Protein backbone atom coordinates (compact mmCIF):
# COMPACT_ATOMS: atom_id res chain seq x y z
CA MET A 1 6.19 -29.61 5.07
CA LYS A 2 3.56 -31.18 6.86
CA PRO A 3 0.38 -31.27 5.09
CA PHE A 4 -3.07 -30.59 6.59
CA LYS A 5 -5.08 -33.48 7.52
CA SER A 6 -8.67 -32.49 8.36
CA PHE A 7 -11.73 -32.56 5.96
CA LEU A 8 -10.93 -28.90 4.94
CA SER A 9 -7.38 -29.83 3.90
CA GLN A 10 -8.03 -29.04 0.16
CA GLU A 11 -9.47 -25.76 1.03
CA LEU A 12 -6.82 -24.73 3.48
CA GLU A 13 -4.19 -25.46 0.59
CA ALA A 14 -6.15 -23.61 -1.71
CA PHE A 15 -6.38 -20.78 0.34
CA ILE A 16 -2.52 -20.60 0.90
CA SER A 17 -1.95 -20.86 -2.83
CA TYR A 18 -4.34 -17.76 -3.16
CA ARG A 19 -2.26 -15.84 -0.83
CA GLN A 20 0.97 -16.78 -2.32
CA GLY A 21 -0.61 -15.58 -5.48
CA LEU A 22 -1.11 -12.08 -3.79
CA GLY A 23 2.62 -12.00 -2.77
CA TYR A 24 1.99 -12.89 0.86
CA SER A 25 4.41 -15.62 2.52
CA GLY A 26 2.39 -19.07 2.86
CA GLU A 27 4.39 -20.16 5.64
CA ARG A 28 3.67 -17.35 8.20
CA ILE A 29 -0.18 -18.14 7.86
CA ARG A 30 0.31 -22.11 7.42
CA SER A 31 1.65 -22.62 11.22
CA PRO A 32 -1.63 -20.87 12.59
CA LEU A 33 -3.67 -22.56 10.24
CA ARG A 34 -2.18 -26.12 11.10
CA THR A 35 -3.26 -25.67 14.57
CA PHE A 36 -6.83 -25.03 13.74
CA ASP A 37 -6.65 -28.04 11.33
CA ARG A 38 -5.24 -30.40 14.21
CA TYR A 39 -8.11 -28.96 16.44
CA ILE A 40 -11.08 -29.86 13.96
CA ARG A 41 -9.85 -33.44 13.40
CA ARG A 42 -10.66 -34.37 17.03
CA GLN A 43 -14.21 -32.94 16.70
CA PRO A 44 -16.79 -35.79 16.50
CA ASN A 45 -19.03 -33.29 14.23
CA SER A 46 -17.42 -31.72 11.70
CA SER A 47 -20.39 -29.43 10.95
CA ILE A 48 -19.78 -27.70 14.14
CA VAL A 49 -17.19 -25.74 12.46
CA TRP A 50 -19.86 -23.14 10.91
CA GLU A 51 -21.08 -22.33 14.11
CA THR A 52 -19.79 -19.24 16.21
CA HIS A 53 -19.89 -20.94 19.60
CA PHE A 54 -17.39 -23.39 18.43
CA TYR A 55 -14.56 -20.53 18.20
CA LEU A 56 -15.48 -19.79 21.49
CA LYS A 57 -14.59 -22.95 22.71
CA PHE A 58 -11.62 -23.27 20.56
CA ARG A 59 -10.37 -19.99 21.81
CA ASN A 60 -10.61 -21.00 25.27
CA GLU A 61 -8.83 -24.13 24.77
CA ILE A 62 -5.73 -22.95 22.98
CA LYS A 63 -2.88 -22.75 25.80
CA LEU A 64 -1.05 -20.02 24.49
CA GLU A 65 -0.81 -16.11 24.88
CA PRO A 66 -3.40 -13.87 23.89
CA SER A 67 -1.27 -12.33 21.07
CA SER A 68 -0.82 -15.79 19.66
CA ILE A 69 -4.54 -16.96 20.05
CA ASN A 70 -5.60 -13.74 18.10
CA THR A 71 -2.97 -14.60 15.64
CA ILE A 72 -4.33 -18.19 15.00
CA LEU A 73 -8.21 -16.56 14.97
CA TYR A 74 -7.12 -13.89 12.52
CA ALA A 75 -5.71 -16.78 10.17
CA VAL A 76 -9.03 -18.55 10.51
CA ARG A 77 -11.16 -15.72 9.92
CA CYS A 78 -9.13 -15.07 6.87
CA PHE A 79 -9.51 -18.36 5.60
CA PHE A 80 -13.52 -18.40 5.96
CA GLU A 81 -13.58 -15.16 4.52
CA TYR A 82 -11.92 -16.63 1.50
CA LEU A 83 -14.36 -19.43 1.55
CA ARG A 84 -17.40 -16.77 1.99
CA ARG A 85 -15.99 -15.19 -1.35
CA ASN A 86 -15.96 -18.38 -3.37
CA HIS A 87 -19.14 -19.64 -1.77
CA SER A 88 -21.83 -16.73 -1.38
CA HIS A 89 -23.98 -18.96 0.42
CA LEU A 90 -21.76 -19.61 3.45
CA LYS A 91 -21.04 -17.31 6.04
CA ASN A 92 -17.95 -16.07 8.06
CA PRO A 93 -18.31 -18.05 11.60
CA LEU A 94 -15.65 -15.57 13.10
CA LYS A 95 -16.86 -12.38 11.55
CA ASP A 96 -18.37 -11.14 15.06
CA LEU A 97 -15.92 -13.12 17.46
CA PRO A 98 -13.64 -10.37 19.28
CA CYS A 99 -10.07 -10.61 19.86
CA LEU A 100 -8.64 -11.17 23.27
CA PRO A 101 -7.02 -8.29 25.05
CA GLN A 102 -3.47 -8.39 24.56
CA ARG A 103 -0.71 -7.95 27.29
CA ALA A 104 1.68 -5.45 26.96
CA PHE A 105 5.07 -6.95 26.10
CA ILE A 106 8.30 -5.37 27.29
CA PRO A 107 11.76 -7.27 25.90
CA PHE A 108 14.92 -7.60 27.76
CA VAL A 109 17.29 -4.79 26.90
CA PHE A 110 21.11 -5.33 26.93
CA SER A 111 23.01 -2.32 28.10
CA SER A 112 26.12 -1.13 25.91
CA GLU A 113 28.14 -2.57 28.49
CA GLN A 114 26.21 -5.98 28.73
CA VAL A 115 26.70 -6.18 24.77
CA GLU A 116 30.43 -5.82 25.17
CA GLN A 117 30.59 -8.43 27.81
CA LEU A 118 28.28 -10.68 25.93
CA LEU A 119 30.75 -10.36 22.87
CA ASN A 120 34.04 -10.80 24.65
CA ALA A 121 32.68 -13.71 26.40
CA THR A 122 31.54 -15.10 23.00
CA CYS A 123 34.92 -14.52 21.84
CA ARG A 124 36.72 -16.36 24.49
CA ARG A 125 34.46 -19.59 23.57
CA ILE A 126 36.63 -19.79 20.36
CA ARG A 127 38.64 -22.85 20.50
CA GLN A 128 42.10 -22.91 18.79
CA LYS A 129 42.03 -26.65 17.94
CA HIS A 130 42.07 -26.87 13.97
CA GLN A 131 38.82 -28.65 13.80
CA PHE A 132 36.72 -26.21 15.81
CA PHE A 133 38.09 -22.84 14.99
CA ILE A 134 36.32 -22.02 11.92
CA LYS A 135 33.06 -23.03 13.22
CA ASP A 136 33.29 -21.13 16.58
CA LEU A 137 34.91 -17.94 14.71
CA SER A 138 31.71 -18.11 12.51
CA GLU A 139 29.17 -18.45 15.30
CA TYR A 140 31.04 -15.49 17.12
CA THR A 141 30.84 -13.54 13.66
CA VAL A 142 27.34 -14.02 13.50
CA ILE A 143 26.34 -12.96 16.83
CA LEU A 144 28.77 -9.83 16.31
CA LEU A 145 26.08 -8.96 13.43
CA LEU A 146 23.31 -9.46 15.65
CA ALA A 147 24.51 -7.06 18.05
CA ARG A 148 26.25 -4.47 16.30
CA CYS A 149 24.05 -4.05 13.25
CA GLY A 150 20.63 -5.35 14.91
CA LEU A 151 19.94 -8.02 12.15
CA ARG A 152 17.42 -10.89 12.91
CA ILE A 153 18.66 -13.94 13.55
CA ASN A 154 17.86 -15.54 10.58
CA GLU A 155 19.35 -12.73 8.12
CA PRO A 156 23.17 -13.48 8.55
CA LEU A 157 22.51 -17.01 8.64
CA ARG A 158 21.39 -16.68 4.76
CA LEU A 159 24.02 -14.43 3.69
CA LYS A 160 26.06 -15.63 0.63
CA MET A 161 29.58 -14.94 -0.31
CA ARG A 162 28.57 -12.44 -2.60
CA ASP A 163 26.40 -10.53 -0.25
CA TYR A 164 29.41 -9.12 1.72
CA ARG A 165 31.22 -6.31 -0.13
CA PRO A 166 34.64 -5.76 1.72
CA TYR A 167 35.56 -2.81 -0.23
CA GLU A 168 32.20 -0.57 0.49
CA ARG A 169 31.85 -2.38 3.97
CA THR A 170 28.23 -3.34 3.36
CA ILE A 171 26.24 -6.18 3.38
CA TYR A 172 23.34 -6.99 0.92
CA ILE A 173 20.07 -8.54 3.00
CA GLU A 174 17.90 -10.31 0.63
CA LYS A 175 14.06 -11.01 1.05
CA THR A 176 13.66 -9.98 4.38
CA LYS A 177 10.51 -10.50 6.63
CA PHE A 178 8.47 -7.96 4.68
CA LYS A 179 10.07 -9.30 1.40
CA LYS A 180 12.36 -6.34 1.24
CA ASP A 181 15.89 -6.40 0.27
CA ARG A 182 18.19 -3.78 1.77
CA LEU A 183 21.70 -2.95 1.35
CA ILE A 184 23.40 -1.71 4.68
CA PRO A 185 26.65 -0.35 5.58
CA ILE A 186 28.44 -2.06 8.64
CA PRO A 187 30.99 -0.57 11.27
CA LYS A 188 34.52 -1.07 10.25
CA SER A 189 35.29 -3.16 13.34
CA VAL A 190 32.59 -5.76 12.06
CA ALA A 191 33.85 -5.65 8.82
CA GLU A 192 37.42 -6.19 10.28
CA ALA A 193 35.87 -9.16 12.00
CA ILE A 194 34.28 -10.59 8.84
CA ASP A 195 37.49 -10.07 6.99
CA ASN A 196 39.33 -11.98 9.64
CA TYR A 197 37.21 -14.67 9.40
CA LEU A 198 37.38 -15.05 5.63
CA SER A 199 40.99 -15.10 5.78
CA ALA A 200 40.66 -17.99 8.18
CA ARG A 201 38.08 -19.90 6.45
CA ALA A 202 40.47 -19.44 3.16
CA THR A 203 42.87 -21.55 4.77
CA ILE A 204 40.85 -24.55 4.89
CA ASN A 205 40.34 -26.77 1.95
CA ASP A 206 36.66 -26.38 1.20
CA LYS A 207 35.81 -28.83 -1.20
CA SER A 208 32.15 -28.49 -0.82
CA ILE A 209 32.73 -24.51 -2.03
CA ASN A 210 29.85 -23.65 0.32
CA PRO A 211 28.04 -20.66 -1.05
CA PHE A 212 26.86 -19.35 2.33
CA LEU A 213 28.82 -16.66 4.05
CA PHE A 214 29.03 -18.50 7.56
CA ILE A 215 29.38 -22.00 7.87
CA GLY A 216 29.30 -24.63 10.84
CA ARG A 217 30.24 -28.18 11.35
CA LYS A 218 31.79 -30.18 8.42
CA GLN A 219 31.56 -26.69 6.30
CA LYS A 220 27.72 -27.04 6.41
CA ARG A 221 25.44 -24.03 6.69
CA LEU A 222 25.15 -22.53 10.19
CA THR A 223 21.57 -23.10 12.01
CA GLN A 224 19.68 -21.24 14.47
CA TYR A 225 19.62 -23.75 16.75
CA ARG A 226 23.45 -23.43 17.03
CA ILE A 227 23.34 -19.65 17.45
CA ARG A 228 20.64 -19.61 20.10
CA ARG A 229 22.59 -22.45 22.02
CA ILE A 230 25.80 -20.44 22.17
CA PHE A 231 23.67 -17.39 23.01
CA HIS A 232 22.36 -18.52 25.83
CA GLU A 233 25.33 -20.31 27.19
CA THR A 234 26.91 -17.08 26.74
CA VAL A 235 24.24 -15.08 28.68
CA SER A 236 24.57 -17.28 31.30
CA ASP A 237 28.26 -17.32 31.52
CA ILE A 238 28.19 -13.26 32.00
CA GLY A 239 25.55 -13.69 35.01
CA ILE A 240 22.70 -12.93 33.10
CA ASN A 241 19.74 -15.38 34.44
CA THR A 242 16.34 -13.78 33.27
CA THR A 243 13.09 -15.74 32.93
CA ARG A 244 9.89 -14.79 31.15
CA GLN A 245 7.45 -13.06 34.05
CA ILE A 246 4.19 -12.00 33.75
CA ILE A 247 3.35 -9.04 36.09
CA GLY A 248 -0.28 -7.94 35.88
CA ASP A 249 -0.98 -7.10 32.30
CA THR A 250 2.41 -7.00 31.05
CA VAL A 251 5.03 -9.52 30.08
CA PHE A 252 8.53 -9.17 30.62
CA GLY A 253 10.58 -11.31 28.56
CA LYS A 254 13.72 -13.02 29.11
CA ALA A 255 17.23 -12.98 27.17
CA THR A 256 17.01 -13.97 23.58
CA PRO A 257 18.92 -13.18 20.43
CA HIS A 258 15.98 -11.17 19.21
CA CYS A 259 16.82 -8.83 22.10
CA LEU A 260 20.09 -7.89 20.53
CA ARG A 261 18.00 -6.27 17.70
CA HIS A 262 15.60 -4.63 20.44
CA SER A 263 18.68 -3.46 22.28
CA PHE A 264 20.66 -1.91 19.00
CA ALA A 265 17.45 0.19 18.06
CA ILE A 266 17.37 1.42 21.74
CA ASN A 267 20.98 2.21 22.39
CA THR A 268 21.36 3.75 18.89
CA LEU A 269 18.43 6.01 19.29
CA ARG A 270 19.90 6.93 22.87
CA LEU A 271 23.14 7.55 21.66
CA ALA A 272 21.81 9.91 19.23
CA ILE A 273 19.93 11.95 21.44
CA ALA A 274 22.94 12.05 23.58
CA ARG A 275 24.82 13.67 20.42
CA LYS A 276 22.06 16.15 20.33
CA GLN A 277 20.65 14.78 16.95
CA SER A 278 16.68 14.87 16.56
CA PRO A 279 14.89 11.48 17.05
CA GLN A 280 12.51 12.60 14.15
CA ASN A 281 15.70 12.67 11.87
CA VAL A 282 17.13 9.30 13.27
CA LEU A 283 13.76 7.35 13.19
CA PRO A 284 13.52 7.22 9.32
CA VAL A 285 17.10 6.29 9.19
CA LEU A 286 17.05 3.41 11.74
CA ALA A 287 13.52 2.14 10.41
CA THR A 288 15.42 1.69 7.03
CA TYR A 289 18.41 0.24 8.48
CA LEU A 290 16.31 -2.43 10.57
CA GLY A 291 14.28 -3.37 7.26
CA HIS A 292 11.12 -1.82 8.77
CA VAL A 293 8.33 -0.94 5.89
CA GLU A 294 6.77 1.44 8.32
CA TYR A 295 8.10 3.49 11.27
CA ARG A 296 5.31 2.13 13.41
CA HIS A 297 7.29 -1.39 13.32
CA THR A 298 10.50 0.37 14.62
CA MET A 299 8.60 2.33 17.31
CA LYS A 300 7.69 -1.21 19.00
CA TYR A 301 11.12 -1.40 19.62
CA LEU A 302 11.33 1.55 21.68
CA LYS A 303 9.31 0.73 24.64
CA VAL A 304 11.74 1.58 27.06
CA VAL A 305 14.55 4.27 27.22
CA ASP A 306 17.52 2.25 27.88
CA ALA A 307 18.43 -0.89 30.03
CA LYS A 308 18.12 0.90 33.17
CA SER A 309 14.87 2.11 32.62
CA ARG A 310 13.61 -1.58 31.70
CA MET A 311 14.79 -2.72 35.06
CA SER A 312 13.29 -0.11 37.04
CA LEU A 313 9.89 -0.80 35.22
CA PHE A 314 10.42 -4.33 36.19
CA ASP A 315 11.22 -3.96 39.81
CA PHE A 316 8.16 -1.41 39.88
CA ALA A 317 5.89 -3.77 38.30
CA GLY A 318 7.01 -6.58 41.12
CA THR A 319 6.61 -4.12 43.89
CA GLN A 320 3.24 -3.20 42.66
CA ARG A 321 2.03 -7.00 42.45
CA GLU A 322 3.64 -7.82 45.91
CA TYR A 323 2.04 -4.96 47.92
CA PRO A 324 -1.20 -4.49 46.04
């Protein structure tokens, strides 16, 4: 964990400790505050941080998306509000600083057919040689969980052996993004894949007794880096070559592992509607399954009806840009 180095370093650490005492994650706000910390270290006059115009300059010089800039300014605003409460003579220089208008974000959506192609291509990458087989099978099973259960990428990687319950066909996900635990059922095919992986893993001499469910090289814990690399290579293998594009005030995202979560939500709702089920009845269940505290978080995943409508929207936006 990198420490803060500006003249406000002690106050920044105290603020993070204060938030952790309230039950918030310290890491989520540390990253934007570190950007602020680096910026003020470069300023010749430290007293300027108490002036509002300084943050107009700061905002203009951050080379990030408006949503990321707003996240940084929100963290800094909360920090100065904390200082103001502790020192009543201080003012919050960001109190009246408006947020930047944010671009709409449309993620890449995999169709059901593309999900099948992705999983089949990932399966074909499993090497049969002894030194690679368990690692490759482990990586495939993680991507299977992302696609079939809509998990966040870190959730299967944090699973312990005890978190998988084969007789119930459930997995227990502890301390998610919203600090919420959940026990979810998994499809029979996914449970069978995990059982096959565990049977294969049992054949190796696991002297380390690794407690994590999915292991990588030298029987160590799998990393996000490895899963992202396999994902992008496999996406390229099946002919999906997307790039992030900004068209007008809309950002069309490229294919990422998190898109499997978006696609799971969209395709699940689409299939439920095809079975004549009410969306109002499906959404609460889907939100609980995905680990969302509020339904509005799930609604963010449902910006398009399916992969086809997402592509149509992308084509239409591109046409409008080309022919104003």
